[in-house]
Amino acid sequence: MRYPDIGFLGFGEAAACIAEGLTIAGNLQITAFDIHPRPNQNGVRITQSIEDMLKSSDIVFSAVTCTVAIDAARQAAPYLTDKKIFVDINSVSPETKITIGKIIENSGALYVEAAIMAAVPSLKHKVPMLLSGKAAGGFIDAMEPHGMKLENLGPDLGRASAIKMFRSIIVKGMEALFQECILGAEHYGVAKKVLDSISDGFSGSNWDQMAHYLIGRTALHGERRAHEMKEVASTLRTIGVEPLMTEAAEKRIQWAAKKGLKDYFSENAPDDYREVMRAIQVFNDKKRE
């Protein structure tokens, strides 16, 4: 049996983690292209051009930042053929997915819209993905034997990303709420008491633990999360819903991202929200110097 050769267009954290998992699964040739090349990862060959990566790949995962997802598809299109499957895992609006789908299908290639529904680093290639598009079934047939967790929502594009986008209103909205709550409560040294009080009112949930996790993840990925909320707001406007809460969450998350938290913590998400508060204080102190 011939296994598909895998390519990654964009090779940031999510792509590298998925590639790592697929490498461990075995028997797959994996190549990647990124405008900011990194050293070859175990089992992954880094190419010098999109063309080289696409020539070596049967299935291509597009994993770029949401702001350049359409441009990346346009750059890839001239090198695609009807033998290739282009899987878009970017966090963009349903309308953007549909636009990318047209670009890819006009090239002759097959297109799969994919929405990643959990944190990638811990689950790697086994992270749950929702899929839309006519080629979703073929992609599942090719990749489920390698351990990927895939659900087919049918041929209509936009459905997978709609689920992810509107779910983000709750998830990213909670991140923004936690951040603002802790910023205020920690000033008086009562953050844990506040969160314990909320836990008492919502049995079964440890809100203090949730705050540590969400604020820590947002410290590393705030800029990407803010961009995603901007996409959500655009989606809501398109269907006639004013994105009042979504825009507020995007503004709060972006505020923290501009504090340099990602550089401060490097690649290690802080385990304690107090570390994030201290990092913000360090940034503010430097601004005052």
C-alpha atoms as a PDB file:
ATOM      1  CA  MET A   1       0.000   0.000   0.000  1.00  0.00           C
ATOM      2  CA  ARG A   2       1.310   3.453  -0.934  1.00  0.00           C
ATOM      3  CA  TYR A   3       1.029   6.043   1.825  1.00  0.00           C
ATOM      4  CA  PRO A   4       0.353   9.694   0.871  1.00  0.00           C
ATOM      5  CA  ASP A   5       3.215  12.170   0.960  1.00  0.00           C
ATOM      6  CA  ILE A   6       2.362  15.093   3.225  1.00  0.00           C
ATOM      7  CA  GLY A   7       3.218  18.767   2.853  1.00  0.00           C
ATOM      8  CA  PHE A   8       2.768  21.794   5.090  1.00  0.00           C
ATOM      9  CA  LEU A   9       2.347  25.298   3.708  1.00  0.00           C
ATOM     10  CA  GLY A  10       3.347  27.254   6.792  1.00  0.00           C
ATOM     11  CA  PHE A  11       5.204  25.527   9.583  1.00  0.00           C
ATOM     12  CA  GLY A  12       4.431  27.236  12.860  1.00  0.00           C
ATOM     13  CA  GLU A  13       3.490  25.583  16.132  1.00  0.00           C
ATOM     14  CA  ALA A  14       0.297  23.852  14.975  1.00  0.00           C
ATOM     15  CA  ALA A  15       1.836  22.479  11.787  1.00  0.00           C
ATOM     16  CA  ALA A  16       5.001  21.327  13.569  1.00  0.00           C
ATOM     17  CA  CYS A  17       2.973  19.502  16.232  1.00  0.00           C
ATOM     18  CA  ILE A  18       0.772  17.753  13.660  1.00  0.00           C
ATOM     19  CA  ALA A  19       3.851  16.812  11.642  1.00  0.00           C
ATOM     20  CA  GLU A  20       5.535  15.452  14.760  1.00  0.00           C
ATOM     21  CA  GLY A  21       2.560  13.224  15.464  1.00  0.00           C
ATOM     22  CA  LEU A  22       2.381  11.972  11.880  1.00  0.00           C
ATOM     23  CA  THR A  23       6.117  11.252  11.948  1.00  0.00           C
ATOM     24  CA  ILE A  24       5.671   9.120  15.048  1.00  0.00           C
ATOM     25  CA  ALA A  25       2.763   7.341  13.337  1.00  0.00           C
ATOM     26  CA  GLY A  26       5.326   6.324  10.695  1.00  0.00           C
ATOM     27  CA  ASN A  27       5.588   5.532   6.985  1.00  0.00           C
ATOM     28  CA  LEU A  28       4.903   9.093   5.822  1.00  0.00           C
ATOM     29  CA  GLN A  29       7.178  11.395   3.849  1.00  0.00           C
ATOM     30  CA  ILE A  30       6.674  14.954   5.122  1.00  0.00           C
ATOM     31  CA  THR A  31       7.929  18.234   3.659  1.00  0.00           C
ATOM     32  CA  ALA A  32       7.217  21.818   4.701  1.00  0.00           C
ATOM     33  CA  PHE A  33       7.670  25.357   3.461  1.00  0.00           C
ATOM     34  CA  ASP A  34       7.581  28.504   5.596  1.00  0.00           C
ATOM     35  CA  ILE A  35       8.653  32.067   4.835  1.00  0.00           C
ATOM     36  CA  HIS A  36      10.566  31.966   8.119  1.00  0.00           C
ATOM     37  CA  PRO A  37      12.432  28.673   7.657  1.00  0.00           C
ATOM     38  CA  ARG A  38      13.410  26.701  10.716  1.00  0.00           C
ATOM     39  CA  PRO A  39      15.939  23.849  10.920  1.00  0.00           C
ATOM     40  CA  ASN A  40      14.783  20.482   9.618  1.00  0.00           C
ATOM     41  CA  GLN A  41      12.537  18.839  12.180  1.00  0.00           C
ATOM     42  CA  ASN A  42      12.962  15.108  12.764  1.00  0.00           C
ATOM     43  CA  GLY A  43      11.195  13.406   9.902  1.00  0.00           C
ATOM     44  CA  VAL A  44      10.324  16.671   8.100  1.00  0.00           C
ATOM     45  CA  ARG A  45      12.263  18.078   5.151  1.00  0.00           C
ATOM     46  CA  ILE A  46      12.132  21.875   4.913  1.00  0.00           C
ATOM     47  CA  THR A  47      11.996  23.068   1.299  1.00  0.00           C
ATOM     48  CA  GLN A  48      13.190  26.362  -0.121  1.00  0.00           C
ATOM     49  CA  SER A  49      10.046  27.104  -2.131  1.00  0.00           C
ATOM     50  CA  ILE A  50       6.318  26.426  -2.263  1.00  0.00           C
ATOM     51  CA  GLU A  51       6.826  24.713  -5.613  1.00  0.00           C
ATOM     52  CA  ASP A  52       9.322  22.206  -4.213  1.00  0.00           C
ATOM     53  CA  MET A  53       7.043  21.378  -1.291  1.00  0.00           C
ATOM     54  CA  LEU A  54       3.987  20.904  -3.500  1.00  0.00           C
ATOM     55  CA  LYS A  55       5.818  18.706  -5.998  1.00  0.00           C
ATOM     56  CA  SER A  56       6.653  16.361  -3.126  1.00  0.00           C
ATOM     57  CA  SER A  57       3.158  16.258  -1.603  1.00  0.00           C
ATOM     58  CA  ASP A  58      -0.100  14.436  -2.239  1.00  0.00           C
ATOM     59  CA  ILE A  59      -1.905  16.084   0.684  1.00  0.00           C
ATOM     60  CA  VAL A  60      -1.059  19.688   1.595  1.00  0.00           C
ATOM     61  CA  PHE A  61      -2.033  21.312   4.893  1.00  0.00           C
ATOM     62  CA  SER A  62      -2.305  25.093   4.695  1.00  0.00           C
ATOM     63  CA  ALA A  63      -1.278  26.357   8.139  1.00  0.00           C
ATOM     64  CA  VAL A  64      -0.428  30.028   7.711  1.00  0.00           C
ATOM     65  CA  THR A  65      -1.617  33.050   9.679  1.00  0.00           C
ATOM     66  CA  CYS A  66      -5.244  33.927   8.999  1.00  0.00           C
ATOM     67  CA  THR A  67      -4.337  37.283   7.440  1.00  0.00           C
ATOM     68  CA  VAL A  68      -2.481  35.629   4.546  1.00  0.00           C
ATOM     69  CA  ALA A  69      -4.583  32.482   4.042  1.00  0.00           C
ATOM     70  CA  ILE A  70      -6.032  33.657   0.710  1.00  0.00           C
ATOM     71  CA  ASP A  71      -2.655  34.868  -0.576  1.00  0.00           C
ATOM     72  CA  ALA A  72      -1.073  31.528   0.370  1.00  0.00           C
ATOM     73  CA  ALA A  73      -3.724  29.659  -1.616  1.00  0.00           C
ATOM     74  CA  ARG A  74      -3.119  31.906  -4.629  1.00  0.00           C
ATOM     75  CA  GLN A  75       0.624  31.293  -4.436  1.00  0.00           C
ATOM     76  CA  ALA A  76       0.073  27.538  -4.231  1.00  0.00           C
ATOM     77  CA  ALA A  77      -2.534  27.292  -6.996  1.00  0.00           C
ATOM     78  CA  PRO A  78      -0.176  27.337 -10.032  1.00  0.00           C
ATOM     79  CA  TYR A  79       1.624  24.252  -8.708  1.00  0.00           C
ATOM     80  CA  LEU A  80      -1.445  22.190  -7.811  1.00  0.00           C
ATOM     81  CA  THR A  81      -2.915  19.362  -9.891  1.00  0.00           C
ATOM     82  CA  ASP A  82      -5.995  17.151  -9.797  1.00  0.00           C
ATOM     83  CA  LYS A  83      -3.917  14.557  -7.912  1.00  0.00           C
ATOM     84  CA  LYS A  84      -3.516  16.741  -4.828  1.00  0.00           C
ATOM     85  CA  ILE A  85      -5.705  17.485  -1.804  1.00  0.00           C
ATOM     86  CA  PHE A  86      -5.398  20.944  -0.257  1.00  0.00           C
ATOM     87  CA  VAL A  87      -6.506  20.937   3.396  1.00  0.00           C
ATOM     88  CA  ASP A  88      -7.083  24.397   4.881  1.00  0.00           C
ATOM     89  CA  ILE A  89      -6.685  24.304   8.686  1.00  0.00           C
ATOM     90  CA  ASN A  90      -6.483  28.093   9.116  1.00  0.00           C
ATOM     91  CA  SER A  91      -8.807  29.878  11.567  1.00  0.00           C
ATOM     92  CA  VAL A  92     -10.683  32.063   9.095  1.00  0.00           C
ATOM     93  CA  SER A  93     -14.315  32.931   8.403  1.00  0.00           C
ATOM     94  CA  PRO A  94     -16.664  30.702   6.407  1.00  0.00           C
ATOM     95  CA  GLU A  95     -16.629  33.279   3.593  1.00  0.00           C
ATOM     96  CA  THR A  96     -12.829  33.169   3.470  1.00  0.00           C
ATOM     97  CA  LYS A  97     -12.881  29.354   3.368  1.00  0.00           C
ATOM     98  CA  ILE A  98     -15.328  29.471   0.458  1.00  0.00           C
ATOM     99  CA  THR A  99     -13.091  31.962  -1.380  1.00  0.00           C
ATOM    100  CA  ILE A 100     -10.033  29.750  -0.834  1.00  0.00           C
ATOM    101  CA  GLY A 101     -12.028  26.718  -1.939  1.00  0.00           C
ATOM    102  CA  LYS A 102     -12.798  28.382  -5.278  1.00  0.00           C
ATOM    103  CA  ILE A 103      -9.133  29.254  -5.807  1.00  0.00           C
ATOM    104  CA  ILE A 104      -8.021  25.701  -5.125  1.00  0.00           C
ATOM    105  CA  GLU A 105     -10.787  23.999  -7.117  1.00  0.00           C
ATOM    106  CA  ASN A 106     -10.103  26.298 -10.102  1.00  0.00           C
ATOM    107  CA  SER A 107      -6.545  24.937 -10.074  1.00  0.00           C
ATOM    108  CA  GLY A 108      -7.960  21.435 -10.512  1.00  0.00           C
ATOM    109  CA  ALA A 109      -6.982  20.261  -7.034  1.00  0.00           C
ATOM    110  CA  LEU A 110      -9.329  18.925  -4.369  1.00  0.00           C
ATOM    111  CA  TYR A 111     -10.194  21.173  -1.434  1.00  0.00           C
ATOM    112  CA  VAL A 112     -11.020  20.302   2.171  1.00  0.00           C
ATOM    113  CA  GLU A 113     -12.066  22.893   4.720  1.00  0.00           C
ATOM    114  CA  ALA A 114     -10.831  21.873   8.168  1.00  0.00           C
ATOM    115  CA  ALA A 115     -11.487  23.368  11.602  1.00  0.00           C
ATOM    116  CA  ILE A 116      -9.197  22.397  14.487  1.00  0.00           C
ATOM    117  CA  MET A 117     -11.333  22.007  17.598  1.00  0.00           C
ATOM    118  CA  ALA A 118      -8.821  21.648  20.459  1.00  0.00           C
ATOM    119  CA  ALA A 119      -5.294  22.658  21.484  1.00  0.00           C
ATOM    120  CA  VAL A 120      -2.801  21.050  19.089  1.00  0.00           C
ATOM    121  CA  PRO A 121       0.412  20.738  21.183  1.00  0.00           C
ATOM    122  CA  SER A 122      -0.851  18.012  23.509  1.00  0.00           C
ATOM    123  CA  LEU A 123      -2.850  16.030  20.935  1.00  0.00           C
ATOM    124  CA  LYS A 124      -0.651  16.600  17.866  1.00  0.00           C
ATOM    125  CA  HIS A 125      -2.069  14.887  14.756  1.00  0.00           C
ATOM    126  CA  LYS A 126      -4.884  13.380  16.840  1.00  0.00           C
ATOM    127  CA  VAL A 127      -6.433  16.783  17.507  1.00  0.00           C
ATOM    128  CA  PRO A 128     -10.130  16.636  16.498  1.00  0.00           C
ATOM    129  CA  MET A 129     -10.898  18.293  13.165  1.00  0.00           C
ATOM    130  CA  LEU A 130     -14.242  19.073  11.553  1.00  0.00           C
ATOM    131  CA  LEU A 131     -14.260  18.843   7.765  1.00  0.00           C
ATOM    132  CA  SER A 132     -16.367  20.260   4.945  1.00  0.00           C
ATOM    133  CA  GLY A 133     -16.058  19.841   1.191  1.00  0.00           C
ATOM    134  CA  LYS A 134     -16.561  17.241  -1.489  1.00  0.00           C
ATOM    135  CA  ALA A 135     -13.082  15.811  -0.918  1.00  0.00           C
ATOM    136  CA  ALA A 136     -13.499  15.369   2.856  1.00  0.00           C
ATOM    137  CA  GLY A 137     -14.325  11.672   2.547  1.00  0.00           C
ATOM    138  CA  GLY A 138     -11.216  10.914   0.515  1.00  0.00           C
ATOM    139  CA  PHE A 139      -9.052  12.825   2.974  1.00  0.00           C
ATOM    140  CA  ILE A 140     -10.523  10.821   5.850  1.00  0.00           C
ATOM    141  CA  ASP A 141      -9.868   7.549   4.032  1.00  0.00           C
ATOM    142  CA  ALA A 142      -6.232   8.565   3.548  1.00  0.00           C
ATOM    143  CA  MET A 143      -5.488   9.894   7.032  1.00  0.00           C
ATOM    144  CA  GLU A 144      -7.650   8.093   9.591  1.00  0.00           C
ATOM    145  CA  PRO A 145      -5.393   4.999   9.329  1.00  0.00           C
ATOM    146  CA  HIS A 146      -2.592   7.251  10.650  1.00  0.00           C
ATOM    147  CA  GLY A 147      -4.563   8.195  13.764  1.00  0.00           C
ATOM    148  CA  MET A 148      -6.142  11.493  12.751  1.00  0.00           C
ATOM    149  CA  LYS A 149      -9.525  12.272  14.360  1.00  0.00           C
ATOM    150  CA  LEU A 150     -11.724  13.586  11.560  1.00  0.00           C
ATOM    151  CA  GLU A 151     -15.450  14.266  11.227  1.00  0.00           C
ATOM    152  CA  ASN A 152     -17.123  14.870   7.856  1.00  0.00           C
ATOM    153  CA  LEU A 153     -19.855  17.548   7.931  1.00  0.00           C
ATOM    154  CA  GLY A 154     -20.735  17.145   4.278  1.00  0.00           C
ATOM    155  CA  PRO A 155     -19.911  18.819   0.945  1.00  0.00           C
ATOM    156  CA  ASP A 156     -21.030  22.402   1.706  1.00  0.00           C
ATOM    157  CA  LEU A 157     -18.111  24.708   2.443  1.00  0.00           C
ATOM    158  CA  GLY A 158     -18.308  27.043   5.431  1.00  0.00           C
ATOM    159  CA  ARG A 159     -19.948  24.703   7.935  1.00  0.00           C
ATOM    160  CA  ALA A 160     -16.781  23.523   9.696  1.00  0.00           C
ATOM    161  CA  SER A 161     -15.387  27.024  10.119  1.00  0.00           C
ATOM    162  CA  ALA A 162     -18.796  28.354  11.232  1.00  0.00           C
ATOM    163  CA  ILE A 163     -18.786  25.905  14.146  1.00  0.00           C
ATOM    164  CA  LYS A 164     -15.253  26.934  15.112  1.00  0.00           C
ATOM    165  CA  MET A 165     -15.934  30.668  14.683  1.00  0.00           C
ATOM    166  CA  PHE A 166     -19.085  30.770  16.809  1.00  0.00           C
ATOM    167  CA  ARG A 167     -17.567  28.453  19.420  1.00  0.00           C
ATOM    168  CA  SER A 168     -14.751  30.997  19.687  1.00  0.00           C
ATOM    169  CA  ILE A 169     -17.213  33.655  20.859  1.00  0.00           C
ATOM    170  CA  ILE A 170     -17.558  31.624  24.052  1.00  0.00           C
ATOM    171  CA  VAL A 171     -13.997  30.290  24.398  1.00  0.00           C
ATOM    172  CA  LYS A 172     -12.081  33.457  23.468  1.00  0.00           C
ATOM    173  CA  GLY A 173     -14.720  35.553  25.188  1.00  0.00           C
ATOM    174  CA  MET A 174     -14.013  33.640  28.400  1.00  0.00           C
ATOM    175  CA  GLU A 175     -10.282  34.225  27.921  1.00  0.00           C
ATOM    176  CA  ALA A 176     -10.922  37.962  27.678  1.00  0.00           C
ATOM    177  CA  LEU A 177     -13.234  37.935  30.704  1.00  0.00           C
ATOM    178  CA  PHE A 178     -10.761  35.980  32.816  1.00  0.00           C
ATOM    179  CA  GLN A 179      -7.973  38.337  31.821  1.00  0.00           C
ATOM    180  CA  GLU A 180      -9.933  41.453  32.770  1.00  0.00           C
ATOM    181  CA  CYS A 181     -11.234  39.901  35.993  1.00  0.00           C
ATOM    182  CA  ILE A 182      -7.748  38.842  37.143  1.00  0.00           C
ATOM    183  CA  LEU A 183      -6.189  42.180  36.198  1.00  0.00           C
ATOM    184  CA  GLY A 184      -8.600  43.887  38.577  1.00  0.00           C
ATOM    185  CA  ALA A 185      -8.781  41.272  41.324  1.00  0.00           C
ATOM    186  CA  GLU A 186      -5.006  40.744  41.571  1.00  0.00           C
ATOM    187  CA  HIS A 187      -4.573  44.450  42.244  1.00  0.00           C
ATOM    188  CA  TYR A 188      -6.279  43.770  45.588  1.00  0.00           C
ATOM    189  CA  GLY A 189      -4.848  40.276  46.054  1.00  0.00           C
ATOM    190  CA  VAL A 190      -8.266  38.594  45.879  1.00  0.00           C
ATOM    191  CA  ALA A 191      -8.203  36.788  42.506  1.00  0.00           C
ATOM    192  CA  LYS A 192      -8.397  33.277  43.938  1.00  0.00           C
ATOM    193  CA  LYS A 193     -11.200  34.243  46.317  1.00  0.00           C
ATOM    194  CA  VAL A 194     -13.156  35.691  43.397  1.00  0.00           C
ATOM    195  CA  LEU A 195     -12.710  32.553  41.295  1.00  0.00           C
ATOM    196  CA  ASP A 196     -13.478  30.230  44.215  1.00  0.00           C
ATOM    197  CA  SER A 197     -16.686  32.175  44.765  1.00  0.00           C
ATOM    198  CA  ILE A 198     -17.667  31.649  41.114  1.00  0.00           C
ATOM    199  CA  SER A 199     -16.859  27.936  41.417  1.00  0.00           C
ATOM    200  CA  ASP A 200     -19.246  27.719  44.356  1.00  0.00           C
ATOM    201  CA  GLY A 201     -22.012  29.026  42.144  1.00  0.00           C
ATOM    202  CA  PHE A 202     -21.204  26.700  39.216  1.00  0.00           C
ATOM    203  CA  SER A 203     -20.651  23.275  40.720  1.00  0.00           C
ATOM    204  CA  GLY A 204     -18.421  20.904  38.793  1.00  0.00           C
ATOM    205  CA  SER A 205     -16.090  23.587  37.416  1.00  0.00           C
ATOM    206  CA  ASN A 206     -12.783  24.728  38.912  1.00  0.00           C
ATOM    207  CA  TRP A 207     -12.674  28.335  37.756  1.00  0.00           C
ATOM    208  CA  ASP A 208      -9.295  29.043  39.324  1.00  0.00           C
ATOM    209  CA  GLN A 209      -7.747  26.173  37.378  1.00  0.00           C
ATOM    210  CA  MET A 210      -9.500  27.304  34.207  1.00  0.00           C
ATOM    211  CA  ALA A 211      -8.151  30.828  34.661  1.00  0.00           C
ATOM    212  CA  HIS A 212      -4.562  29.569  34.979  1.00  0.00           C
ATOM    213  CA  TYR A 213      -4.926  27.574  31.746  1.00  0.00           C
ATOM    214  CA  LEU A 214      -6.736  30.147  29.601  1.00  0.00           C
ATOM    215  CA  ILE A 215      -4.650  33.138  30.645  1.00  0.00           C
ATOM    216  CA  GLY A 216      -1.442  31.122  30.161  1.00  0.00           C
ATOM    217  CA  ARG A 217      -2.407  30.022  26.636  1.00  0.00           C
ATOM    218  CA  THR A 218      -3.524  33.528  25.690  1.00  0.00           C
ATOM    219  CA  ALA A 219      -0.181  34.915  26.871  1.00  0.00           C
ATOM    220  CA  LEU A 220       1.530  32.901  24.113  1.00  0.00           C
ATOM    221  CA  HIS A 221      -1.091  33.064  21.377  1.00  0.00           C
ATOM    222  CA  GLY A 222      -2.923  36.322  22.037  1.00  0.00           C
ATOM    223  CA  GLU A 223      -2.160  37.893  18.674  1.00  0.00           C
ATOM    224  CA  ARG A 224      -3.470  34.864  16.752  1.00  0.00           C
ATOM    225  CA  ARG A 225      -6.532  34.649  18.997  1.00  0.00           C
ATOM    226  CA  ALA A 226      -7.259  38.351  18.488  1.00  0.00           C
ATOM    227  CA  HIS A 227      -7.033  37.911  14.710  1.00  0.00           C
ATOM    228  CA  GLU A 228      -9.448  35.006  14.954  1.00  0.00           C
ATOM    229  CA  MET A 229     -11.931  37.167  16.856  1.00  0.00           C
ATOM    230  CA  LYS A 230     -11.623  39.784  14.136  1.00  0.00           C
ATOM    231  CA  GLU A 231     -12.626  37.055  11.660  1.00  0.00           C
ATOM    232  CA  VAL A 232     -15.567  36.132  13.888  1.00  0.00           C
ATOM    233  CA  ALA A 233     -16.697  39.770  13.996  1.00  0.00           C
ATOM    234  CA  SER A 234     -16.511  39.959  10.191  1.00  0.00           C
ATOM    235  CA  THR A 235     -18.573  36.776   9.927  1.00  0.00           C
ATOM    236  CA  LEU A 236     -21.255  38.142  12.251  1.00  0.00           C
ATOM    237  CA  ARG A 237     -21.508  41.421  10.328  1.00  0.00           C
ATOM    238  CA  THR A 238     -21.919  39.492   7.090  1.00  0.00           C
ATOM    239  CA  ILE A 239     -25.043  37.789   8.450  1.00  0.00           C
ATOM    240  CA  GLY A 240     -26.432  40.954  10.048  1.00  0.00           C
ATOM    241  CA  VAL A 241     -25.404  40.419  13.681  1.00  0.00           C
ATOM    242  CA  GLU A 242     -23.612  43.307  15.390  1.00  0.00           C
ATOM    243  CA  PRO A 243     -20.483  41.792  17.053  1.00  0.00           C
ATOM    244  CA  LEU A 244     -20.580  43.774  20.298  1.00  0.00           C
ATOM    245  CA  MET A 245     -19.157  41.082  22.596  1.00  0.00           C
ATOM    246  CA  THR A 246     -16.778  39.679  19.995  1.00  0.00           C
ATOM    247  CA  GLU A 247     -15.174  43.057  19.316  1.00  0.00           C
ATOM    248  CA  ALA A 248     -14.759  43.689  23.040  1.00  0.00           C
ATOM    249  CA  ALA A 249     -13.030  40.311  23.486  1.00  0.00           C
ATOM    250  CA  GLU A 250     -10.761  40.980  20.514  1.00  0.00           C
ATOM    251  CA  LYS A 251      -9.788  44.363  21.962  1.00  0.00           C
ATOM    252  CA  ARG A 252      -8.951  42.906  25.396  1.00  0.00           C
ATOM    253  CA  ILE A 253      -6.934  39.977  23.987  1.00  0.00           C
ATOM    254  CA  GLN A 254      -5.063  42.285  21.604  1.00  0.00           C
ATOM    255  CA  TRP A 255      -4.267  44.646  24.490  1.00  0.00           C
ATOM    256  CA  ALA A 256      -2.400  41.852  26.280  1.00  0.00           C
ATOM    257  CA  ALA A 257      -0.714  40.636  23.098  1.00  0.00           C
ATOM    258  CA  LYS A 258       0.838  44.085  22.683  1.00  0.00           C
ATOM    259  CA  LYS A 259       2.505  43.721  26.095  1.00  0.00           C
ATOM    260  CA  GLY A 260       5.172  41.448  24.580  1.00  0.00           C
ATOM    261  CA  LEU A 261       4.026  38.377  26.528  1.00  0.00           C
ATOM    262  CA  LYS A 262       4.939  35.925  23.773  1.00  0.00           C
ATOM    263  CA  ASP A 263       8.546  37.139  23.741  1.00  0.00           C
ATOM    264  CA  TYR A 264       8.655  37.220  27.536  1.00  0.00           C
ATOM    265  CA  PHE A 265       7.562  33.591  27.935  1.00  0.00           C
ATOM    266  CA  SER A 266       9.172  32.271  24.728  1.00  0.00           C
ATOM    267  CA  GLU A 267       7.558  28.906  23.916  1.00  0.00           C
ATOM    268  CA  ASN A 268       6.593  27.953  27.471  1.00  0.00           C
ATOM    269  CA  ALA A 269       3.049  28.825  28.461  1.00  0.00           C
ATOM    270  CA  PRO A 270       2.984  30.003  32.098  1.00  0.00           C
ATOM    271  CA  ASP A 271       1.209  27.676  34.532  1.00  0.00           C
ATOM    272  CA  ASP A 272       0.097  30.466  36.867  1.00  0.00           C
ATOM    273  CA  TYR A 273      -1.862  33.580  35.876  1.00  0.00           C
ATOM    274  CA  ARG A 274       0.146  35.529  38.459  1.00  0.00           C
ATOM    275  CA  GLU A 275       3.188  35.064  36.206  1.00  0.00           C
ATOM    276  CA  VAL A 276       1.282  36.797  33.416  1.00  0.00           C
ATOM    277  CA  MET A 277       0.290  39.645  35.709  1.00  0.00           C
ATOM    278  CA  ARG A 278       3.942  40.068  36.724  1.00  0.00           C
ATOM    279  CA  ALA A 279       5.020  40.075  33.064  1.00  0.00           C
ATOM    280  CA  ILE A 280       2.493  42.800  32.295  1.00  0.00           C
ATOM    281  CA  GLN A 281       3.836  44.793  35.233  1.00  0.00           C
ATOM    282  CA  VAL A 282       7.403  44.384  33.933  1.00  0.00           C
ATOM    283  CA  PHE A 283       6.270  45.681  30.537  1.00  0.00           C
ATOM    284  CA  ASN A 284       4.498  48.668  32.120  1.00  0.00           C
ATOM    285  CA  ASP A 285       7.534  49.491  34.266  1.00  0.00           C
ATOM    286  CA  LYS A 286       9.793  49.472  31.204  1.00  0.00           C
ATOM    287  CA  LYS A 287       7.385  51.786  29.364  1.00  0.00           C
ATOM    288  CA  ARG A 288       7.609  54.261  32.240  1.00  0.00           C
ATOM    289  CA  GLU A 289      11.435  54.261  32.291  1.00  0.00           C
END
